N, C-alpha and C. Protein backbone atom coordinates (compact mmCIF):
# COMPACT_ATOMS: atom_id res chain seq x y z
N UNK A 1 -3.12 -1.71 12.73
CA UNK A 1 -2.29 -2.23 11.68
C UNK A 1 -1.91 -3.66 12.05
N UNK A 2 -2.26 -4.56 11.18
CA UNK A 2 -2.00 -5.98 11.42
C UNK A 2 -0.54 -6.33 11.10
N UNK A 3 -0.03 -5.81 9.98
CA UNK A 3 1.35 -6.08 9.59
C UNK A 3 1.79 -5.04 8.56
N UNK A 4 3.11 -4.94 8.38
CA UNK A 4 3.67 -4.04 7.37
C UNK A 4 5.01 -4.59 6.91
N UNK A 5 5.39 -4.26 5.69
CA UNK A 5 6.70 -4.67 5.21
C UNK A 5 6.67 -5.34 3.85
N UNK A 6 7.38 -6.46 3.76
CA UNK A 6 7.56 -7.20 2.52
C UNK A 6 6.54 -8.34 2.45
N UNK A 7 5.87 -8.46 1.31
CA UNK A 7 4.84 -9.48 1.12
C UNK A 7 5.17 -10.33 -0.10
N UNK A 8 4.60 -11.54 -0.14
CA UNK A 8 4.71 -12.39 -1.32
C UNK A 8 3.83 -11.78 -2.41
N UNK A 9 4.07 -12.14 -3.63
CA UNK A 9 3.30 -11.60 -4.75
C UNK A 9 1.81 -11.67 -4.50
N UNK A 10 1.08 -10.69 -5.02
CA UNK A 10 -0.35 -10.58 -4.76
C UNK A 10 -1.13 -10.57 -6.05
N UNK A 11 -2.15 -11.38 -6.10
CA UNK A 11 -3.07 -11.40 -7.23
C UNK A 11 -4.19 -10.41 -6.92
N UNK A 12 -4.15 -9.25 -7.55
CA UNK A 12 -5.11 -8.19 -7.26
C UNK A 12 -6.55 -8.58 -7.59
N UNK A 13 -6.72 -9.61 -8.38
CA UNK A 13 -8.06 -10.09 -8.72
C UNK A 13 -8.62 -11.06 -7.69
N UNK A 14 -7.79 -11.49 -6.75
CA UNK A 14 -8.19 -12.46 -5.75
C UNK A 14 -8.73 -11.76 -4.50
N UNK A 15 -9.58 -12.45 -3.76
CA UNK A 15 -10.07 -11.93 -2.49
C UNK A 15 -9.05 -12.13 -1.37
N UNK A 16 -8.08 -13.00 -1.61
CA UNK A 16 -7.04 -13.27 -0.62
C UNK A 16 -6.02 -12.14 -0.60
N UNK A 17 -5.59 -11.75 0.59
CA UNK A 17 -4.57 -10.72 0.71
C UNK A 17 -3.19 -11.37 0.59
N UNK A 18 -2.16 -10.57 0.29
CA UNK A 18 -0.83 -11.16 0.16
C UNK A 18 -0.32 -11.70 1.49
N UNK A 19 0.61 -12.61 1.42
CA UNK A 19 1.20 -13.24 2.60
C UNK A 19 2.43 -12.45 3.04
N UNK A 20 2.48 -12.15 4.32
CA UNK A 20 3.62 -11.43 4.88
C UNK A 20 4.88 -12.30 4.80
N UNK A 21 5.95 -11.71 4.31
CA UNK A 21 7.25 -12.39 4.26
C UNK A 21 8.12 -11.89 5.41
N UNK A 22 8.11 -10.55 5.64
CA UNK A 22 8.98 -9.98 6.67
C UNK A 22 8.43 -8.62 7.11
N UNK A 23 8.34 -8.43 8.44
CA UNK A 23 7.99 -7.12 8.97
C UNK A 23 9.24 -6.26 8.92
N UNK A 24 9.15 -5.15 8.19
CA UNK A 24 10.30 -4.27 8.01
C UNK A 24 9.83 -2.93 7.46
N UNK A 25 10.65 -1.92 7.62
CA UNK A 25 10.36 -0.63 6.97
C UNK A 25 11.35 -0.37 5.84
N UNK A 26 12.34 -1.26 5.67
CA UNK A 26 13.29 -1.15 4.56
C UNK A 26 13.08 -2.31 3.61
N UNK A 27 12.79 -1.99 2.37
CA UNK A 27 12.48 -2.99 1.35
C UNK A 27 13.56 -2.93 0.27
N UNK A 28 14.15 -4.06 -0.03
CA UNK A 28 15.12 -4.10 -1.12
C UNK A 28 14.37 -3.99 -2.45
N UNK A 29 14.70 -2.97 -3.21
CA UNK A 29 14.02 -2.72 -4.48
C UNK A 29 14.47 -3.73 -5.52
N UNK A 30 13.54 -4.55 -5.95
CA UNK A 30 13.79 -5.53 -6.99
C UNK A 30 12.49 -5.70 -7.76
N UNK A 31 12.59 -6.11 -8.99
CA UNK A 31 11.43 -6.27 -9.84
C UNK A 31 10.38 -7.16 -9.20
N UNK A 32 9.13 -6.70 -9.18
CA UNK A 32 7.96 -7.42 -8.67
C UNK A 32 7.92 -7.61 -7.16
N UNK A 33 8.77 -6.89 -6.41
CA UNK A 33 8.71 -6.95 -4.95
C UNK A 33 7.42 -6.27 -4.50
N UNK A 34 6.69 -6.89 -3.60
CA UNK A 34 5.42 -6.37 -3.08
C UNK A 34 5.65 -5.83 -1.67
N UNK A 35 5.16 -4.62 -1.38
CA UNK A 35 5.35 -4.02 -0.07
C UNK A 35 4.12 -3.23 0.32
N UNK A 36 3.94 -3.01 1.62
CA UNK A 36 2.80 -2.24 2.07
C UNK A 36 2.40 -2.62 3.48
N UNK A 37 1.09 -2.51 3.77
CA UNK A 37 0.59 -2.93 5.08
C UNK A 37 -0.83 -3.48 4.96
N UNK A 38 -1.19 -4.27 5.97
CA UNK A 38 -2.53 -4.82 6.09
C UNK A 38 -3.17 -4.24 7.34
N UNK A 39 -4.37 -3.71 7.17
CA UNK A 39 -5.16 -3.22 8.29
C UNK A 39 -6.28 -4.21 8.58
N UNK A 40 -6.58 -4.38 9.84
CA UNK A 40 -7.76 -5.16 10.23
C UNK A 40 -8.73 -4.17 10.85
N UNK A 41 -9.88 -4.03 10.22
CA UNK A 41 -10.88 -3.05 10.62
C UNK A 41 -12.11 -3.80 11.12
N UNK A 42 -12.48 -3.54 12.36
CA UNK A 42 -13.62 -4.25 12.96
C UNK A 42 -14.78 -3.29 13.23
N UNK A 43 -15.98 -3.84 13.10
CA UNK A 43 -17.22 -3.13 13.44
C UNK A 43 -17.35 -1.78 12.73
N UNK A 44 -17.03 -1.76 11.45
CA UNK A 44 -17.13 -0.51 10.68
C UNK A 44 -17.77 -0.75 9.31
N UNK A 45 -18.61 -1.75 9.22
CA UNK A 45 -19.25 -2.08 7.94
C UNK A 45 -19.91 -0.83 7.34
N UNK A 46 -19.72 -0.65 6.05
CA UNK A 46 -20.23 0.46 5.25
C UNK A 46 -19.51 1.78 5.50
N UNK A 47 -18.47 1.79 6.33
CA UNK A 47 -17.64 2.98 6.48
C UNK A 47 -16.76 3.12 5.24
N UNK A 48 -16.26 4.33 5.01
CA UNK A 48 -15.44 4.56 3.83
C UNK A 48 -13.96 4.63 4.21
N UNK A 49 -13.17 3.86 3.47
CA UNK A 49 -11.71 3.91 3.57
C UNK A 49 -11.22 4.82 2.47
N UNK A 50 -10.36 5.78 2.82
CA UNK A 50 -9.69 6.63 1.85
C UNK A 50 -8.20 6.37 2.02
N UNK A 51 -7.48 6.24 0.92
CA UNK A 51 -6.05 5.96 1.03
C UNK A 51 -5.25 6.84 0.08
N UNK A 52 -3.97 6.98 0.44
CA UNK A 52 -3.04 7.78 -0.36
C UNK A 52 -1.65 7.17 -0.22
N UNK A 53 -0.94 7.07 -1.34
CA UNK A 53 0.45 6.63 -1.34
C UNK A 53 1.28 7.74 -1.97
N UNK A 54 2.14 8.34 -1.16
CA UNK A 54 3.09 9.33 -1.66
C UNK A 54 4.38 8.58 -1.96
N UNK A 55 4.94 8.80 -3.11
CA UNK A 55 6.08 8.01 -3.59
C UNK A 55 7.17 8.93 -4.14
N UNK A 56 8.37 8.36 -4.37
CA UNK A 56 9.45 9.15 -4.99
C UNK A 56 8.99 9.65 -6.37
N UNK A 57 9.59 10.72 -6.85
CA UNK A 57 9.19 11.25 -8.16
C UNK A 57 9.63 10.34 -9.30
N UNK A 58 8.67 9.74 -9.97
CA UNK A 58 8.97 8.96 -11.17
C UNK A 58 7.96 9.38 -12.24
N UNK A 59 8.29 9.10 -13.48
CA UNK A 59 7.45 9.55 -14.59
C UNK A 59 6.38 8.51 -14.94
N UNK A 60 5.19 9.03 -15.30
CA UNK A 60 4.10 8.16 -15.73
C UNK A 60 4.26 7.85 -17.22
N UNK A 61 3.27 7.21 -17.80
CA UNK A 61 3.33 6.82 -19.21
C UNK A 61 3.40 7.99 -20.18
N UNK A 62 2.97 9.17 -19.72
CA UNK A 62 3.01 10.36 -20.57
C UNK A 62 4.29 11.17 -20.36
N UNK A 63 5.19 10.68 -19.51
CA UNK A 63 6.45 11.38 -19.26
C UNK A 63 6.36 12.46 -18.20
N UNK A 64 5.22 12.55 -17.52
CA UNK A 64 5.03 13.53 -16.44
C UNK A 64 5.31 12.87 -15.09
N UNK A 65 5.67 13.69 -14.09
CA UNK A 65 5.87 13.16 -12.74
C UNK A 65 4.52 12.61 -12.25
N UNK A 66 4.52 11.36 -11.84
CA UNK A 66 3.29 10.70 -11.40
C UNK A 66 2.80 11.30 -10.08
N UNK A 67 1.50 11.60 -10.00
CA UNK A 67 0.95 12.12 -8.74
C UNK A 67 0.84 11.00 -7.72
N UNK A 68 0.59 11.35 -6.46
CA UNK A 68 0.35 10.30 -5.46
C UNK A 68 -0.82 9.42 -5.89
N UNK A 69 -0.78 8.15 -5.48
CA UNK A 69 -1.88 7.24 -5.74
C UNK A 69 -2.94 7.48 -4.67
N UNK A 70 -4.19 7.65 -5.09
CA UNK A 70 -5.27 7.91 -4.15
C UNK A 70 -6.49 7.10 -4.54
N UNK A 71 -7.30 6.79 -3.55
CA UNK A 71 -8.53 6.07 -3.86
C UNK A 71 -9.36 5.88 -2.61
N UNK A 72 -10.46 5.17 -2.80
CA UNK A 72 -11.30 4.85 -1.65
C UNK A 72 -12.09 3.59 -1.94
N UNK A 73 -12.60 3.01 -0.89
CA UNK A 73 -13.49 1.86 -0.99
C UNK A 73 -14.27 1.76 0.30
N UNK A 74 -15.30 0.93 0.28
CA UNK A 74 -16.13 0.77 1.45
C UNK A 74 -15.79 -0.51 2.20
N UNK A 75 -15.91 -0.46 3.52
CA UNK A 75 -15.71 -1.64 4.37
C UNK A 75 -16.89 -2.57 4.11
N UNK A 76 -16.59 -3.81 3.73
CA UNK A 76 -17.65 -4.72 3.30
C UNK A 76 -18.18 -5.62 4.40
N UNK A 77 -17.39 -5.84 5.45
CA UNK A 77 -17.80 -6.74 6.53
C UNK A 77 -17.41 -6.13 7.87
N UNK A 78 -17.89 -6.73 8.95
CA UNK A 78 -17.55 -6.23 10.28
C UNK A 78 -16.18 -6.69 10.76
N UNK A 79 -15.54 -7.58 10.04
CA UNK A 79 -14.15 -7.97 10.31
C UNK A 79 -13.43 -7.92 8.97
N UNK A 80 -12.99 -6.72 8.59
CA UNK A 80 -12.49 -6.43 7.25
C UNK A 80 -10.98 -6.29 7.26
N UNK A 81 -10.32 -6.88 6.30
CA UNK A 81 -8.88 -6.73 6.14
C UNK A 81 -8.62 -5.99 4.84
N UNK A 82 -7.68 -5.05 4.92
CA UNK A 82 -7.42 -4.15 3.80
C UNK A 82 -5.92 -4.08 3.57
N UNK A 83 -5.48 -4.32 2.34
CA UNK A 83 -4.06 -4.20 1.98
C UNK A 83 -3.86 -2.91 1.21
N UNK A 84 -2.88 -2.12 1.64
CA UNK A 84 -2.46 -0.94 0.90
C UNK A 84 -0.98 -1.11 0.60
N UNK A 85 -0.63 -1.08 -0.65
CA UNK A 85 0.76 -1.25 -1.00
C UNK A 85 0.97 -1.15 -2.50
N UNK A 86 2.15 -1.53 -2.91
CA UNK A 86 2.49 -1.47 -4.32
C UNK A 86 3.55 -2.52 -4.60
N UNK A 87 3.94 -2.58 -5.85
CA UNK A 87 4.99 -3.49 -6.29
C UNK A 87 6.00 -2.68 -7.09
N UNK A 88 7.19 -3.19 -7.21
CA UNK A 88 8.25 -2.50 -7.94
C UNK A 88 8.23 -2.96 -9.40
N UNK A 89 8.30 -1.98 -10.32
CA UNK A 89 8.32 -2.26 -11.75
C UNK A 89 9.47 -1.48 -12.40
N UNK A 90 9.73 -1.79 -13.65
CA UNK A 90 10.84 -1.15 -14.36
C UNK A 90 10.49 0.28 -14.72
N UNK A 91 11.45 1.19 -14.71
CA UNK A 91 12.81 1.02 -14.19
C UNK A 91 12.79 1.07 -12.66
N UNK A 92 13.62 0.28 -12.06
CA UNK A 92 13.63 0.13 -10.60
C UNK A 92 14.21 1.36 -9.91
N UNK A 93 15.26 1.94 -10.47
CA UNK A 93 16.00 3.02 -9.79
C UNK A 93 15.11 4.19 -9.37
N UNK A 94 14.13 4.56 -10.20
CA UNK A 94 13.31 5.72 -9.85
C UNK A 94 12.22 5.40 -8.82
N UNK A 95 12.12 4.15 -8.40
CA UNK A 95 11.16 3.77 -7.36
C UNK A 95 11.80 3.79 -5.97
N UNK A 96 13.12 3.94 -5.91
CA UNK A 96 13.83 3.93 -4.63
C UNK A 96 13.57 5.22 -3.86
N UNK A 97 13.47 5.08 -2.56
CA UNK A 97 13.22 6.23 -1.69
C UNK A 97 12.05 5.94 -0.77
N UNK A 98 11.51 7.01 -0.19
CA UNK A 98 10.42 6.87 0.79
C UNK A 98 9.06 6.75 0.10
N UNK A 99 8.28 5.78 0.57
CA UNK A 99 6.89 5.58 0.17
C UNK A 99 6.05 5.73 1.44
N UNK A 100 5.24 6.77 1.49
CA UNK A 100 4.39 7.00 2.66
C UNK A 100 2.97 6.53 2.33
N UNK A 101 2.48 5.58 3.13
CA UNK A 101 1.17 5.00 2.93
C UNK A 101 0.25 5.47 4.05
N UNK A 102 -0.89 6.03 3.69
CA UNK A 102 -1.82 6.58 4.69
C UNK A 102 -3.23 6.09 4.40
N UNK A 103 -3.97 5.82 5.48
CA UNK A 103 -5.35 5.38 5.35
C UNK A 103 -6.21 6.11 6.36
N UNK A 104 -7.39 6.53 5.90
CA UNK A 104 -8.39 7.19 6.76
C UNK A 104 -9.65 6.34 6.75
N UNK A 105 -10.33 6.30 7.87
CA UNK A 105 -11.62 5.64 7.98
C UNK A 105 -12.64 6.71 8.34
N UNK A 106 -13.57 6.96 7.43
CA UNK A 106 -14.56 8.03 7.61
C UNK A 106 -13.91 9.35 8.01
N UNK A 107 -12.78 9.67 7.38
CA UNK A 107 -12.12 10.95 7.59
C UNK A 107 -11.11 10.99 8.73
N UNK A 108 -11.03 9.94 9.53
CA UNK A 108 -10.06 9.89 10.63
C UNK A 108 -8.88 9.01 10.24
N UNK A 109 -7.66 9.56 10.34
CA UNK A 109 -6.49 8.77 9.97
C UNK A 109 -6.35 7.58 10.93
N UNK A 110 -6.22 6.39 10.34
CA UNK A 110 -6.07 5.18 11.15
C UNK A 110 -4.72 4.49 10.91
N UNK A 111 -4.00 4.90 9.86
CA UNK A 111 -2.69 4.30 9.60
C UNK A 111 -1.84 5.27 8.80
N UNK A 112 -0.55 5.31 9.16
CA UNK A 112 0.42 6.17 8.47
C UNK A 112 1.78 5.49 8.64
N UNK A 113 2.30 4.93 7.57
CA UNK A 113 3.56 4.20 7.64
C UNK A 113 4.43 4.57 6.45
N UNK A 114 5.70 4.85 6.72
CA UNK A 114 6.65 5.13 5.66
C UNK A 114 7.57 3.94 5.49
N UNK A 115 7.64 3.43 4.29
CA UNK A 115 8.53 2.33 3.92
C UNK A 115 9.57 2.88 2.96
N UNK A 116 10.80 2.43 3.10
CA UNK A 116 11.89 2.94 2.28
C UNK A 116 12.38 1.84 1.36
N UNK A 117 12.31 2.09 0.05
CA UNK A 117 12.85 1.17 -0.92
C UNK A 117 14.32 1.52 -1.14
N UNK A 118 15.18 0.54 -0.91
CA UNK A 118 16.62 0.76 -1.04
C UNK A 118 17.22 -0.14 -2.10
């Protein structure tokens, strides 16, 4: 794990990762706050990254409790950096609490960090 905590806003369409603002496990919940962690993965080109974000119970667009966020992607280079995180959106109150971020590389857990939005 290269860093974790509070980051500057991130353009998800850009190849650049967000800039670290502060290493912390407590994040002040405010609109558009970006939080998470950056992993630096070496010598694993074409390996598969699987990730999961467990979050406080909040409702999705259909009014149902949103499931954990899950996904995967492949390591593209032999010196690969990967950001896993989220941003705070309205309503803010239901985003407060523990956010557990986990990442596996080819089935082996390589990162597990809990950040608390307060």
